[in-house]
Amino acid sequence: MPSRKKLAADAWGALLQVHASLVPALDKEVQRQTGLPLSWYDVLLELAAEPAGRLRMTDLAERVVLSRSRVSRLVDELASRGLITKEEHPDDRRSAYAAITNAGLAEFRATAPVYVRAIEGQFASNLTDEDLALLGRVLNKIRKPAG
């Protein structure tokens, strides 16, 4: 049996390889069918999930796992298309919010089924329901380590 370090390194490598191959494939499929880049969809997804439809730019950057400068560029691109707005923070001039517009919500809702089908086709098609449940539990264990 390989050592725990070897098992961990191999699992990590497999995770990185899966991520590196799936993200571009999902991006290509979603963009081909909707015209919306996956990074734009990710921003709209996070904003649409919020009851108020908005997030501080720093919180948005953490959720979409991008640098603040990259998120700022994405927000500017989405705002130029009318899909989101950028709002000043009322109590902190150094902070701003990104807020989804009605047009952004409509674009998100139109793209969501394409995204879900792409996930099924590119990611889940070779996995059983039990595999998916186990994978979800394992990844959540890593994301939220026991205290």
N, C-alpha and C. Protein backbone atom coordinates (compact mmCIF):
# COMPACT_ATOMS: atom_id res chain seq x y z
N MET A 1 0.86 -1.19 0.00
CA MET A 1 0.00 0.00 0.00
C MET A 1 0.90 1.24 0.00
N PRO A 2 0.60 2.19 -0.88
CA PRO A 2 1.38 3.44 -0.90
C PRO A 2 1.24 4.20 0.41
N SER A 3 2.21 5.03 0.69
CA SER A 3 2.17 5.83 1.93
C SER A 3 1.03 6.85 1.85
N ARG A 4 0.64 7.36 3.01
CA ARG A 4 -0.41 8.39 3.08
C ARG A 4 0.00 9.62 2.27
N LYS A 5 1.29 10.02 2.35
CA LYS A 5 1.76 11.18 1.59
C LYS A 5 1.60 10.95 0.09
N LYS A 6 1.93 9.75 -0.37
CA LYS A 6 1.79 9.41 -1.79
C LYS A 6 0.32 9.42 -2.19
N LEU A 7 -0.55 8.83 -1.37
CA LEU A 7 -1.98 8.81 -1.66
C LEU A 7 -2.52 10.24 -1.73
N ALA A 8 -2.11 11.08 -0.78
CA ALA A 8 -2.58 12.47 -0.76
C ALA A 8 -2.09 13.23 -2.00
N ALA A 9 -0.83 13.05 -2.34
CA ALA A 9 -0.27 13.73 -3.51
C ALA A 9 -0.96 13.26 -4.80
N ASP A 10 -1.23 11.97 -4.91
CA ASP A 10 -1.90 11.44 -6.10
C ASP A 10 -3.34 11.95 -6.19
N ALA A 11 -4.05 11.99 -5.06
CA ALA A 11 -5.43 12.49 -5.05
C ALA A 11 -5.45 13.97 -5.43
N TRP A 12 -4.51 14.73 -4.86
CA TRP A 12 -4.42 16.16 -5.18
C TRP A 12 -4.14 16.36 -6.67
N GLY A 13 -3.20 15.60 -7.20
CA GLY A 13 -2.88 15.69 -8.62
C GLY A 13 -4.08 15.37 -9.50
N ALA A 14 -4.83 14.34 -9.13
CA ALA A 14 -6.02 13.97 -9.90
C ALA A 14 -7.06 15.09 -9.86
N LEU A 15 -7.24 15.69 -8.68
CA LEU A 15 -8.19 16.79 -8.55
C LEU A 15 -7.79 17.96 -9.45
N LEU A 16 -6.52 18.32 -9.44
CA LEU A 16 -6.05 19.41 -10.29
C LEU A 16 -6.22 19.10 -11.77
N GLN A 17 -5.93 17.86 -12.16
CA GLN A 17 -6.07 17.48 -13.56
C GLN A 17 -7.53 17.52 -14.01
N VAL A 18 -8.42 17.03 -13.14
CA VAL A 18 -9.85 17.07 -13.46
C VAL A 18 -10.31 18.51 -13.61
N HIS A 19 -9.92 19.35 -12.67
CA HIS A 19 -10.30 20.76 -12.73
C HIS A 19 -9.76 21.42 -14.00
N ALA A 20 -8.49 21.16 -14.30
CA ALA A 20 -7.85 21.78 -15.46
C ALA A 20 -8.49 21.35 -16.78
N SER A 21 -9.03 20.15 -16.84
CA SER A 21 -9.66 19.70 -18.08
C SER A 21 -11.14 20.06 -18.14
N LEU A 22 -11.82 20.05 -17.01
CA LEU A 22 -13.27 20.29 -17.02
C LEU A 22 -13.64 21.76 -17.17
N VAL A 23 -12.94 22.65 -16.52
CA VAL A 23 -13.32 24.06 -16.58
C VAL A 23 -13.30 24.58 -18.02
N PRO A 24 -12.23 24.36 -18.78
CA PRO A 24 -12.26 24.83 -20.17
C PRO A 24 -13.35 24.14 -21.01
N ALA A 25 -13.60 22.86 -20.75
CA ALA A 25 -14.64 22.15 -21.50
C ALA A 25 -16.02 22.72 -21.17
N LEU A 26 -16.29 22.98 -19.90
CA LEU A 26 -17.56 23.58 -19.50
C LEU A 26 -17.69 24.99 -20.09
N ASP A 27 -16.62 25.76 -20.01
CA ASP A 27 -16.63 27.11 -20.54
C ASP A 27 -16.96 27.10 -22.04
N LYS A 28 -16.31 26.22 -22.78
CA LYS A 28 -16.53 26.13 -24.22
C LYS A 28 -17.98 25.76 -24.53
N GLU A 29 -18.51 24.78 -23.82
CA GLU A 29 -19.88 24.34 -24.08
C GLU A 29 -20.91 25.40 -23.71
N VAL A 30 -20.76 26.00 -22.54
CA VAL A 30 -21.71 27.03 -22.11
C VAL A 30 -21.62 28.24 -23.04
N GLN A 31 -20.42 28.65 -23.36
CA GLN A 31 -20.25 29.83 -24.22
C GLN A 31 -20.76 29.57 -25.64
N ARG A 32 -20.55 28.36 -26.14
CA ARG A 32 -21.01 28.01 -27.49
C ARG A 32 -22.54 28.07 -27.56
N GLN A 33 -23.20 27.61 -26.49
CA GLN A 33 -24.66 27.54 -26.52
C GLN A 33 -25.35 28.84 -26.10
N THR A 34 -24.66 29.66 -25.29
CA THR A 34 -25.33 30.84 -24.75
C THR A 34 -24.62 32.15 -25.07
N GLY A 35 -23.35 32.07 -25.44
CA GLY A 35 -22.56 33.28 -25.65
C GLY A 35 -22.01 33.85 -24.36
N LEU A 36 -22.31 33.23 -23.25
CA LEU A 36 -21.89 33.74 -21.94
C LEU A 36 -20.66 32.97 -21.44
N PRO A 37 -19.55 33.66 -21.21
CA PRO A 37 -18.37 32.96 -20.66
C PRO A 37 -18.69 32.39 -19.27
N LEU A 38 -18.06 31.28 -18.96
CA LEU A 38 -18.29 30.62 -17.68
C LEU A 38 -17.97 31.54 -16.50
N SER A 39 -16.93 32.36 -16.61
CA SER A 39 -16.59 33.28 -15.52
C SER A 39 -17.71 34.28 -15.28
N TRP A 40 -18.38 34.73 -16.33
CA TRP A 40 -19.52 35.64 -16.17
C TRP A 40 -20.67 34.91 -15.49
N TYR A 41 -20.91 33.68 -15.93
CA TYR A 41 -21.98 32.88 -15.32
C TYR A 41 -21.72 32.69 -13.83
N ASP A 42 -20.47 32.41 -13.46
CA ASP A 42 -20.13 32.20 -12.06
C ASP A 42 -20.45 33.44 -11.22
N VAL A 43 -20.15 34.63 -11.75
CA VAL A 43 -20.46 35.86 -11.04
C VAL A 43 -21.97 36.02 -10.90
N LEU A 44 -22.70 35.80 -11.99
CA LEU A 44 -24.16 35.90 -11.93
C LEU A 44 -24.76 34.88 -10.97
N LEU A 45 -24.21 33.67 -10.95
CA LEU A 45 -24.67 32.62 -10.04
C LEU A 45 -24.55 33.06 -8.59
N GLU A 46 -23.40 33.60 -8.23
CA GLU A 46 -23.19 34.02 -6.85
C GLU A 46 -24.11 35.17 -6.46
N LEU A 47 -24.30 36.12 -7.37
CA LEU A 47 -25.17 37.25 -7.06
C LEU A 47 -26.64 36.81 -7.01
N ALA A 48 -27.04 35.94 -7.92
CA ALA A 48 -28.42 35.45 -7.94
C ALA A 48 -28.75 34.64 -6.69
N ALA A 49 -27.74 34.00 -6.10
CA ALA A 49 -27.96 33.19 -4.90
C ALA A 49 -28.18 34.03 -3.65
N GLU A 50 -27.84 35.30 -3.71
CA GLU A 50 -27.99 36.19 -2.56
C GLU A 50 -29.41 36.77 -2.51
N PRO A 51 -30.04 36.74 -1.33
CA PRO A 51 -31.41 37.28 -1.23
C PRO A 51 -31.52 38.73 -1.72
N ALA A 52 -30.52 39.55 -1.44
CA ALA A 52 -30.55 40.94 -1.89
C ALA A 52 -29.99 41.10 -3.31
N GLY A 53 -29.45 40.00 -3.88
CA GLY A 53 -28.91 40.06 -5.23
C GLY A 53 -27.61 40.83 -5.34
N ARG A 54 -26.91 41.00 -4.23
CA ARG A 54 -25.66 41.75 -4.28
C ARG A 54 -24.67 41.22 -3.25
N LEU A 55 -23.40 41.48 -3.54
CA LEU A 55 -22.30 41.09 -2.65
C LEU A 55 -21.24 42.18 -2.68
N ARG A 56 -20.52 42.30 -1.56
CA ARG A 56 -19.35 43.16 -1.58
C ARG A 56 -18.35 42.56 -2.55
N MET A 57 -17.60 43.41 -3.21
CA MET A 57 -16.64 42.95 -4.20
C MET A 57 -15.65 41.94 -3.59
N THR A 58 -15.21 42.17 -2.36
CA THR A 58 -14.26 41.25 -1.73
C THR A 58 -14.91 39.89 -1.50
N ASP A 59 -16.17 39.87 -1.10
CA ASP A 59 -16.87 38.60 -0.88
C ASP A 59 -17.08 37.87 -2.21
N LEU A 60 -17.42 38.62 -3.24
CA LEU A 60 -17.60 38.03 -4.56
C LEU A 60 -16.29 37.41 -5.05
N ALA A 61 -15.19 38.10 -4.85
CA ALA A 61 -13.88 37.58 -5.27
C ALA A 61 -13.57 36.26 -4.57
N GLU A 62 -13.89 36.15 -3.29
CA GLU A 62 -13.64 34.91 -2.55
C GLU A 62 -14.51 33.78 -3.08
N ARG A 63 -15.74 34.07 -3.38
CA ARG A 63 -16.67 33.03 -3.82
C ARG A 63 -16.37 32.50 -5.22
N VAL A 64 -15.92 33.36 -6.11
CA VAL A 64 -15.61 32.90 -7.47
C VAL A 64 -14.14 32.53 -7.61
N VAL A 65 -13.40 32.63 -6.52
CA VAL A 65 -11.99 32.23 -6.45
C VAL A 65 -11.16 32.92 -7.52
N LEU A 66 -11.28 34.25 -7.54
CA LEU A 66 -10.48 35.06 -8.44
C LEU A 66 -9.87 36.21 -7.65
N SER A 67 -8.86 36.82 -8.20
CA SER A 67 -8.26 37.97 -7.54
C SER A 67 -9.24 39.14 -7.58
N ARG A 68 -9.07 40.09 -6.68
CA ARG A 68 -9.94 41.26 -6.67
C ARG A 68 -9.85 42.03 -7.97
N SER A 69 -8.66 42.13 -8.53
CA SER A 69 -8.52 42.87 -9.78
C SER A 69 -9.23 42.16 -10.93
N ARG A 70 -9.16 40.84 -10.97
CA ARG A 70 -9.86 40.07 -12.02
C ARG A 70 -11.37 40.20 -11.85
N VAL A 71 -11.85 40.12 -10.61
CA VAL A 71 -13.29 40.27 -10.37
C VAL A 71 -13.73 41.68 -10.74
N SER A 72 -12.92 42.66 -10.44
CA SER A 72 -13.25 44.04 -10.79
C SER A 72 -13.41 44.18 -12.30
N ARG A 73 -12.52 43.55 -13.07
CA ARG A 73 -12.63 43.59 -14.54
C ARG A 73 -13.90 42.88 -15.02
N LEU A 74 -14.18 41.72 -14.41
CA LEU A 74 -15.40 40.98 -14.77
C LEU A 74 -16.64 41.81 -14.48
N VAL A 75 -16.66 42.43 -13.30
CA VAL A 75 -17.80 43.26 -12.91
C VAL A 75 -17.97 44.41 -13.91
N ASP A 76 -16.87 45.03 -14.30
CA ASP A 76 -16.95 46.11 -15.28
C ASP A 76 -17.50 45.60 -16.62
N GLU A 77 -17.05 44.41 -17.05
CA GLU A 77 -17.55 43.83 -18.30
C GLU A 77 -19.04 43.53 -18.22
N LEU A 78 -19.46 42.93 -17.10
CA LEU A 78 -20.87 42.60 -16.91
C LEU A 78 -21.72 43.86 -16.80
N ALA A 79 -21.18 44.87 -16.14
CA ALA A 79 -21.91 46.14 -16.00
C ALA A 79 -22.08 46.81 -17.35
N SER A 80 -21.07 46.72 -18.20
CA SER A 80 -21.17 47.35 -19.53
C SER A 80 -22.24 46.68 -20.38
N ARG A 81 -22.56 45.44 -20.06
CA ARG A 81 -23.63 44.71 -20.76
C ARG A 81 -24.98 44.86 -20.06
N GLY A 82 -25.00 45.58 -18.92
CA GLY A 82 -26.26 45.79 -18.19
C GLY A 82 -26.70 44.60 -17.36
N LEU A 83 -25.80 43.64 -17.12
CA LEU A 83 -26.16 42.45 -16.36
C LEU A 83 -25.99 42.63 -14.86
N ILE A 84 -25.13 43.54 -14.46
CA ILE A 84 -24.96 43.88 -13.06
C ILE A 84 -24.69 45.38 -12.94
N THR A 85 -24.78 45.86 -11.73
CA THR A 85 -24.39 47.25 -11.45
C THR A 85 -23.36 47.22 -10.35
N LYS A 86 -22.60 48.28 -10.29
CA LYS A 86 -21.61 48.46 -9.24
C LYS A 86 -22.13 49.59 -8.36
N GLU A 87 -22.26 49.32 -7.06
CA GLU A 87 -22.83 50.29 -6.13
C GLU A 87 -21.80 50.63 -5.06
N GLU A 88 -21.73 51.88 -4.70
CA GLU A 88 -20.85 52.29 -3.61
C GLU A 88 -21.39 51.78 -2.29
N HIS A 89 -20.49 51.44 -1.39
CA HIS A 89 -20.87 51.06 -0.04
C HIS A 89 -21.23 52.34 0.71
N PRO A 90 -22.40 52.39 1.35
CA PRO A 90 -22.82 53.65 1.99
C PRO A 90 -21.93 54.08 3.16
N ASP A 91 -21.25 53.12 3.79
CA ASP A 91 -20.45 53.45 4.98
C ASP A 91 -18.95 53.37 4.75
N ASP A 92 -18.53 52.90 3.59
CA ASP A 92 -17.10 52.70 3.35
C ASP A 92 -16.79 53.00 1.89
N ARG A 93 -16.18 54.14 1.63
CA ARG A 93 -15.90 54.56 0.25
C ARG A 93 -14.90 53.64 -0.45
N ARG A 94 -14.12 52.88 0.31
CA ARG A 94 -13.15 51.97 -0.30
C ARG A 94 -13.79 50.66 -0.75
N SER A 95 -15.03 50.44 -0.34
CA SER A 95 -15.72 49.19 -0.63
C SER A 95 -16.87 49.44 -1.59
N ALA A 96 -17.19 48.43 -2.40
CA ALA A 96 -18.30 48.55 -3.34
C ALA A 96 -19.05 47.22 -3.39
N TYR A 97 -20.26 47.29 -3.89
CA TYR A 97 -21.08 46.11 -4.10
C TYR A 97 -21.24 45.86 -5.59
N ALA A 98 -21.38 44.60 -5.93
CA ALA A 98 -21.84 44.21 -7.26
C ALA A 98 -23.25 43.70 -7.05
N ALA A 99 -24.18 44.17 -7.89
CA ALA A 99 -25.59 43.77 -7.76
C ALA A 99 -26.12 43.31 -9.11
N ILE A 100 -26.84 42.22 -9.10
CA ILE A 100 -27.40 41.69 -10.34
C ILE A 100 -28.62 42.52 -10.75
N THR A 101 -28.74 42.75 -12.04
CA THR A 101 -29.90 43.48 -12.57
C THR A 101 -30.96 42.47 -13.02
N ASN A 102 -32.12 42.98 -13.39
CA ASN A 102 -33.16 42.09 -13.92
C ASN A 102 -32.67 41.39 -15.18
N ALA A 103 -31.95 42.14 -16.04
CA ALA A 103 -31.39 41.53 -17.24
C ALA A 103 -30.36 40.45 -16.90
N GLY A 104 -29.56 40.69 -15.85
CA GLY A 104 -28.58 39.71 -15.41
C GLY A 104 -29.25 38.46 -14.87
N LEU A 105 -30.33 38.65 -14.12
CA LEU A 105 -31.07 37.52 -13.57
C LEU A 105 -31.70 36.71 -14.71
N ALA A 106 -32.22 37.38 -15.71
CA ALA A 106 -32.79 36.68 -16.86
C ALA A 106 -31.71 35.89 -17.61
N GLU A 107 -30.55 36.50 -17.79
CA GLU A 107 -29.43 35.82 -18.46
C GLU A 107 -28.97 34.60 -17.65
N PHE A 108 -28.89 34.78 -16.33
CA PHE A 108 -28.52 33.67 -15.45
C PHE A 108 -29.52 32.52 -15.59
N ARG A 109 -30.80 32.84 -15.52
CA ARG A 109 -31.84 31.81 -15.59
C ARG A 109 -31.85 31.11 -16.94
N ALA A 110 -31.56 31.83 -18.00
CA ALA A 110 -31.52 31.22 -19.34
C ALA A 110 -30.30 30.32 -19.50
N THR A 111 -29.21 30.66 -18.83
CA THR A 111 -27.96 29.90 -18.95
C THR A 111 -27.91 28.71 -18.01
N ALA A 112 -28.59 28.78 -16.89
CA ALA A 112 -28.52 27.72 -15.87
C ALA A 112 -28.79 26.32 -16.42
N PRO A 113 -29.83 26.10 -17.22
CA PRO A 113 -30.05 24.73 -17.72
C PRO A 113 -28.91 24.23 -18.60
N VAL A 114 -28.31 25.13 -19.37
CA VAL A 114 -27.17 24.75 -20.23
C VAL A 114 -26.00 24.35 -19.34
N TYR A 115 -25.76 25.12 -18.30
CA TYR A 115 -24.67 24.84 -17.35
C TYR A 115 -24.87 23.49 -16.68
N VAL A 116 -26.10 23.24 -16.22
CA VAL A 116 -26.40 21.97 -15.53
C VAL A 116 -26.24 20.79 -16.50
N ARG A 117 -26.70 20.95 -17.74
CA ARG A 117 -26.51 19.87 -18.73
C ARG A 117 -25.02 19.64 -19.01
N ALA A 118 -24.24 20.72 -19.07
CA ALA A 118 -22.80 20.59 -19.31
C ALA A 118 -22.13 19.87 -18.15
N ILE A 119 -22.54 20.17 -16.93
CA ILE A 119 -22.00 19.47 -15.76
C ILE A 119 -22.32 17.98 -15.85
N GLU A 120 -23.56 17.68 -16.18
CA GLU A 120 -23.95 16.27 -16.31
C GLU A 120 -23.13 15.58 -17.39
N GLY A 121 -23.00 16.21 -18.54
CA GLY A 121 -22.29 15.58 -19.65
C GLY A 121 -20.79 15.50 -19.47
N GLN A 122 -20.19 16.56 -18.97
CA GLN A 122 -18.72 16.62 -18.87
C GLN A 122 -18.18 16.03 -17.56
N PHE A 123 -18.98 16.10 -16.50
CA PHE A 123 -18.48 15.74 -15.17
C PHE A 123 -19.14 14.49 -14.62
N ALA A 124 -20.45 14.41 -14.68
CA ALA A 124 -21.17 13.39 -13.92
C ALA A 124 -21.55 12.15 -14.71
N SER A 125 -21.42 12.19 -16.01
CA SER A 125 -21.97 11.11 -16.84
C SER A 125 -21.39 9.73 -16.53
N ASN A 126 -20.15 9.64 -16.10
CA ASN A 126 -19.55 8.34 -15.80
C ASN A 126 -19.64 7.96 -14.33
N LEU A 127 -20.37 8.75 -13.56
CA LEU A 127 -20.49 8.50 -12.12
C LEU A 127 -21.91 8.07 -11.77
N THR A 128 -22.01 7.17 -10.80
CA THR A 128 -23.32 6.77 -10.30
C THR A 128 -23.81 7.82 -9.31
N ASP A 129 -25.07 7.74 -8.95
CA ASP A 129 -25.60 8.64 -7.92
C ASP A 129 -24.81 8.48 -6.62
N GLU A 130 -24.45 7.24 -6.31
CA GLU A 130 -23.67 6.98 -5.09
C GLU A 130 -22.29 7.61 -5.19
N ASP A 131 -21.66 7.53 -6.36
CA ASP A 131 -20.36 8.16 -6.58
C ASP A 131 -20.46 9.67 -6.34
N LEU A 132 -21.50 10.27 -6.92
CA LEU A 132 -21.67 11.72 -6.78
C LEU A 132 -21.90 12.13 -5.34
N ALA A 133 -22.72 11.35 -4.62
CA ALA A 133 -22.97 11.65 -3.20
C ALA A 133 -21.69 11.53 -2.40
N LEU A 134 -20.92 10.47 -2.64
CA LEU A 134 -19.65 10.28 -1.93
C LEU A 134 -18.67 11.39 -2.26
N LEU A 135 -18.55 11.72 -3.54
CA LEU A 135 -17.63 12.78 -3.95
C LEU A 135 -18.01 14.11 -3.30
N GLY A 136 -19.28 14.42 -3.28
CA GLY A 136 -19.75 15.64 -2.62
C GLY A 136 -19.39 15.66 -1.14
N ARG A 137 -19.61 14.53 -0.46
CA ARG A 137 -19.28 14.46 0.98
C ARG A 137 -17.78 14.62 1.20
N VAL A 138 -16.99 13.96 0.39
CA VAL A 138 -15.53 14.02 0.55
C VAL A 138 -15.02 15.43 0.29
N LEU A 139 -15.47 16.05 -0.78
CA LEU A 139 -15.00 17.40 -1.09
C LEU A 139 -15.46 18.41 -0.03
N ASN A 140 -16.66 18.24 0.49
CA ASN A 140 -17.12 19.12 1.55
C ASN A 140 -16.34 18.93 2.85
N LYS A 141 -15.86 17.71 3.08
CA LYS A 141 -15.00 17.45 4.24
C LYS A 141 -13.70 18.25 4.13
N ILE A 142 -13.19 18.32 2.93
CA ILE A 142 -11.95 19.06 2.69
C ILE A 142 -12.20 20.55 2.83
N ARG A 143 -13.31 21.00 2.27
CA ARG A 143 -13.66 22.42 2.28
C ARG A 143 -13.99 22.91 3.68
N LYS A 144 -14.63 22.08 4.46
CA LYS A 144 -15.04 22.45 5.82
C LYS A 144 -14.46 21.44 6.80
N PRO A 145 -13.17 21.55 7.11
CA PRO A 145 -12.56 20.57 8.01
C PRO A 145 -13.21 20.60 9.40
N ALA A 146 -13.26 19.42 10.01
CA ALA A 146 -13.82 19.30 11.37
C ALA A 146 -12.98 20.14 12.32
N GLY A 147 -13.68 20.79 13.23
CA GLY A 147 -13.08 21.77 14.06
C GLY A 147 -12.26 21.45 15.16
